N, C-alpha and C. Protein backbone atom coordinates (compact mmCIF):
# COMPACT_ATOMS: atom_id res chain seq x y z
N UNK A 1 23.26 -0.91 -15.39
CA UNK A 1 22.55 -1.95 -16.12
C UNK A 1 23.59 -2.83 -16.80
N UNK A 2 23.36 -4.12 -16.71
CA UNK A 2 24.30 -5.07 -17.29
C UNK A 2 24.10 -5.23 -18.78
N UNK A 3 24.55 -6.36 -19.27
CA UNK A 3 24.44 -6.67 -20.70
C UNK A 3 22.98 -6.79 -21.10
N UNK A 4 22.66 -6.27 -22.25
CA UNK A 4 21.29 -6.32 -22.77
C UNK A 4 21.22 -7.25 -23.97
N UNK A 5 20.07 -7.89 -24.15
CA UNK A 5 19.82 -8.77 -25.28
C UNK A 5 18.76 -8.11 -26.15
N UNK A 6 19.00 -8.05 -27.43
CA UNK A 6 18.06 -7.40 -28.34
C UNK A 6 16.88 -8.32 -28.63
N UNK A 7 15.67 -7.78 -28.53
CA UNK A 7 14.43 -8.49 -28.86
C UNK A 7 13.62 -7.59 -29.78
N UNK A 8 12.82 -8.20 -30.63
CA UNK A 8 11.97 -7.42 -31.53
C UNK A 8 10.56 -7.97 -31.44
N UNK A 9 9.57 -7.07 -31.33
CA UNK A 9 8.18 -7.50 -31.22
C UNK A 9 7.28 -6.47 -31.89
N UNK A 10 6.03 -6.82 -32.07
CA UNK A 10 5.05 -5.91 -32.65
C UNK A 10 4.08 -5.49 -31.56
N UNK A 11 3.70 -4.21 -31.55
CA UNK A 11 2.69 -3.71 -30.63
C UNK A 11 1.61 -2.99 -31.43
N UNK A 12 0.47 -2.82 -30.82
CA UNK A 12 -0.63 -2.15 -31.51
C UNK A 12 -0.38 -0.64 -31.56
N UNK A 13 -1.05 0.06 -32.47
CA UNK A 13 -0.91 1.52 -32.50
C UNK A 13 -1.30 2.16 -31.16
N UNK A 14 -2.31 1.63 -30.50
CA UNK A 14 -2.72 2.19 -29.20
C UNK A 14 -1.62 1.99 -28.16
N UNK A 15 -1.00 0.82 -28.17
CA UNK A 15 0.11 0.56 -27.25
C UNK A 15 1.28 1.49 -27.55
N UNK A 16 1.52 1.73 -28.83
CA UNK A 16 2.61 2.62 -29.23
C UNK A 16 2.35 4.04 -28.75
N UNK A 17 1.12 4.51 -28.90
CA UNK A 17 0.77 5.85 -28.43
C UNK A 17 0.95 5.97 -26.92
N UNK A 18 0.46 4.97 -26.18
CA UNK A 18 0.59 4.99 -24.72
C UNK A 18 2.06 4.94 -24.30
N UNK A 19 2.83 4.14 -24.98
CA UNK A 19 4.26 4.02 -24.67
C UNK A 19 4.96 5.36 -24.87
N UNK A 20 4.66 6.03 -25.96
CA UNK A 20 5.26 7.34 -26.23
C UNK A 20 4.87 8.36 -25.15
N UNK A 21 3.60 8.35 -24.75
CA UNK A 21 3.14 9.28 -23.70
C UNK A 21 3.85 9.02 -22.38
N UNK A 22 3.90 7.76 -21.98
CA UNK A 22 4.52 7.40 -20.70
C UNK A 22 6.01 7.74 -20.70
N UNK A 23 6.69 7.42 -21.79
CA UNK A 23 8.12 7.71 -21.88
C UNK A 23 8.36 9.21 -21.89
N UNK A 24 7.51 9.95 -22.57
CA UNK A 24 7.68 11.41 -22.66
C UNK A 24 7.44 12.12 -21.34
N UNK A 25 6.51 11.60 -20.53
CA UNK A 25 6.22 12.23 -19.23
C UNK A 25 7.42 12.19 -18.30
N UNK A 26 8.15 11.10 -18.32
CA UNK A 26 9.27 10.96 -17.39
C UNK A 26 10.62 11.19 -18.03
N UNK A 27 10.64 11.71 -19.23
CA UNK A 27 11.90 11.89 -19.96
C UNK A 27 12.72 10.60 -19.97
N UNK A 28 12.04 9.51 -20.28
CA UNK A 28 12.70 8.20 -20.34
C UNK A 28 12.59 7.67 -21.76
N UNK A 29 13.39 6.68 -22.06
CA UNK A 29 13.29 6.06 -23.38
C UNK A 29 12.15 5.05 -23.37
N UNK A 30 11.62 4.78 -24.54
CA UNK A 30 10.58 3.78 -24.66
C UNK A 30 11.11 2.41 -24.22
N UNK A 31 12.34 2.12 -24.56
CA UNK A 31 12.94 0.84 -24.18
C UNK A 31 12.99 0.70 -22.65
N UNK A 32 13.29 1.78 -21.95
CA UNK A 32 13.34 1.75 -20.49
C UNK A 32 11.95 1.45 -19.92
N UNK A 33 10.93 2.07 -20.47
CA UNK A 33 9.56 1.83 -20.01
C UNK A 33 9.18 0.37 -20.26
N UNK A 34 9.52 -0.15 -21.42
CA UNK A 34 9.21 -1.55 -21.73
C UNK A 34 9.94 -2.49 -20.78
N UNK A 35 11.23 -2.24 -20.51
CA UNK A 35 11.98 -3.09 -19.59
C UNK A 35 11.37 -3.08 -18.19
N UNK A 36 10.98 -1.89 -17.72
CA UNK A 36 10.37 -1.79 -16.39
C UNK A 36 9.04 -2.55 -16.33
N UNK A 37 8.21 -2.38 -17.35
CA UNK A 37 6.92 -3.08 -17.39
C UNK A 37 7.12 -4.59 -17.45
N UNK A 38 8.08 -5.03 -18.23
CA UNK A 38 8.37 -6.46 -18.35
C UNK A 38 8.87 -7.01 -17.02
N UNK A 39 9.72 -6.28 -16.34
CA UNK A 39 10.25 -6.72 -15.04
C UNK A 39 9.11 -6.87 -14.03
N UNK A 40 8.20 -5.91 -13.99
CA UNK A 40 7.06 -5.99 -13.08
C UNK A 40 6.19 -7.19 -13.41
N UNK A 41 5.94 -7.41 -14.68
CA UNK A 41 5.12 -8.54 -15.10
C UNK A 41 5.77 -9.87 -14.73
N UNK A 42 7.07 -9.99 -14.99
CA UNK A 42 7.76 -11.24 -14.71
C UNK A 42 7.76 -11.55 -13.21
N UNK A 43 7.87 -10.52 -12.37
CA UNK A 43 7.81 -10.74 -10.92
C UNK A 43 6.48 -11.33 -10.50
N UNK A 44 5.39 -10.92 -11.15
CA UNK A 44 4.07 -11.46 -10.78
C UNK A 44 3.92 -12.90 -11.25
N UNK A 45 4.61 -13.27 -12.31
CA UNK A 45 4.48 -14.61 -12.86
C UNK A 45 5.38 -15.63 -12.15
N UNK A 46 6.51 -15.17 -11.63
CA UNK A 46 7.45 -16.09 -10.99
C UNK A 46 7.07 -16.40 -9.55
N UNK A 47 6.22 -15.60 -8.95
CA UNK A 47 5.85 -15.80 -7.57
C UNK A 47 6.91 -15.21 -6.65
N UNK A 48 6.61 -15.21 -5.36
CA UNK A 48 7.55 -14.60 -4.42
C UNK A 48 8.84 -15.41 -4.30
N UNK A 49 9.92 -14.70 -4.12
CA UNK A 49 11.20 -15.37 -3.90
C UNK A 49 11.30 -15.75 -2.43
N UNK A 50 11.90 -16.87 -2.16
CA UNK A 50 12.04 -17.34 -0.78
C UNK A 50 13.12 -16.52 -0.09
N UNK A 51 12.77 -16.03 1.09
CA UNK A 51 13.70 -15.24 1.90
C UNK A 51 14.62 -16.21 2.63
N UNK A 52 15.94 -16.14 2.42
CA UNK A 52 16.86 -17.07 3.08
C UNK A 52 16.82 -16.98 4.60
N UNK A 53 16.37 -15.84 5.14
CA UNK A 53 16.28 -15.73 6.59
C UNK A 53 15.21 -16.65 7.17
N UNK A 54 14.26 -17.07 6.34
CA UNK A 54 13.24 -18.00 6.82
C UNK A 54 13.83 -19.36 7.18
N UNK A 55 15.02 -19.66 6.68
CA UNK A 55 15.66 -20.94 6.98
C UNK A 55 16.03 -21.07 8.45
N UNK A 56 16.13 -19.96 9.17
CA UNK A 56 16.50 -20.04 10.58
C UNK A 56 15.30 -20.29 11.48
N UNK A 57 14.10 -20.20 10.93
CA UNK A 57 12.90 -20.43 11.74
C UNK A 57 12.91 -21.86 12.25
N UNK A 58 12.78 -22.01 13.55
CA UNK A 58 12.69 -23.33 14.15
C UNK A 58 14.01 -23.96 14.52
N UNK A 59 15.14 -23.28 14.30
CA UNK A 59 16.43 -23.92 14.61
C UNK A 59 16.62 -24.12 16.10
N UNK A 60 15.87 -23.40 16.91
CA UNK A 60 16.02 -23.55 18.36
C UNK A 60 14.91 -24.40 18.96
N UNK A 61 14.18 -25.11 18.13
CA UNK A 61 13.10 -25.93 18.68
C UNK A 61 13.70 -27.00 19.58
N UNK A 62 13.00 -27.28 20.64
CA UNK A 62 13.49 -28.27 21.60
C UNK A 62 14.32 -27.64 22.70
N UNK A 63 14.47 -26.33 22.67
CA UNK A 63 15.23 -25.63 23.70
C UNK A 63 14.40 -25.47 24.95
N UNK A 64 14.89 -24.69 25.90
CA UNK A 64 14.16 -24.51 27.15
C UNK A 64 12.81 -23.85 26.92
N UNK A 65 11.80 -24.32 27.63
CA UNK A 65 10.45 -23.78 27.46
C UNK A 65 10.31 -22.38 28.05
N UNK A 66 11.13 -22.02 28.99
CA UNK A 66 11.04 -20.69 29.62
C UNK A 66 12.12 -19.75 29.08
N UNK A 67 12.60 -20.00 27.88
CA UNK A 67 13.69 -19.22 27.30
C UNK A 67 13.39 -17.74 27.15
N UNK A 68 12.12 -17.39 26.89
CA UNK A 68 11.77 -15.98 26.75
C UNK A 68 11.83 -15.28 28.09
N UNK A 69 11.48 -15.99 29.15
CA UNK A 69 11.48 -15.38 30.47
C UNK A 69 12.85 -15.40 31.13
N UNK A 70 13.63 -16.42 30.85
CA UNK A 70 14.91 -16.58 31.55
C UNK A 70 16.07 -16.62 30.55
N UNK A 71 16.01 -15.73 29.57
CA UNK A 71 17.02 -15.73 28.51
C UNK A 71 18.42 -15.38 29.02
N UNK A 72 18.53 -14.54 30.07
CA UNK A 72 19.86 -14.23 30.60
C UNK A 72 20.56 -15.49 31.08
N UNK A 73 19.82 -16.39 31.69
CA UNK A 73 20.40 -17.65 32.18
C UNK A 73 20.95 -18.45 31.00
N UNK A 74 20.19 -18.51 29.92
CA UNK A 74 20.59 -19.35 28.80
C UNK A 74 21.67 -18.72 27.93
N UNK A 75 21.65 -17.39 27.83
CA UNK A 75 22.62 -16.72 26.98
C UNK A 75 23.91 -16.41 27.73
N UNK A 76 23.77 -15.89 28.93
CA UNK A 76 24.94 -15.41 29.68
C UNK A 76 25.34 -16.32 30.83
N UNK A 77 24.65 -17.44 30.98
CA UNK A 77 24.91 -18.39 32.05
C UNK A 77 24.76 -17.71 33.42
N UNK A 78 23.74 -16.87 33.52
CA UNK A 78 23.43 -16.19 34.78
C UNK A 78 22.06 -16.63 35.26
N UNK A 79 21.87 -16.65 36.54
CA UNK A 79 20.57 -17.02 37.11
C UNK A 79 19.60 -15.88 37.06
């Protein structure tokens, strides 16, 4: 884990009880449970990240129409 930034907030007694139970079940710290929950929440709010591999989609457009059937010809210069 990299550098951490200190934050302070208020939670309800019910949230505090649940946090203690969840942390105690997994032998984790309350701070760790809060960080994990926050990370999951932030992922839902930011939306999906764009996969850089999607940038290659369509780069071969305009190529031979029978490329799937005759790929050896196009890749290896064989008939």
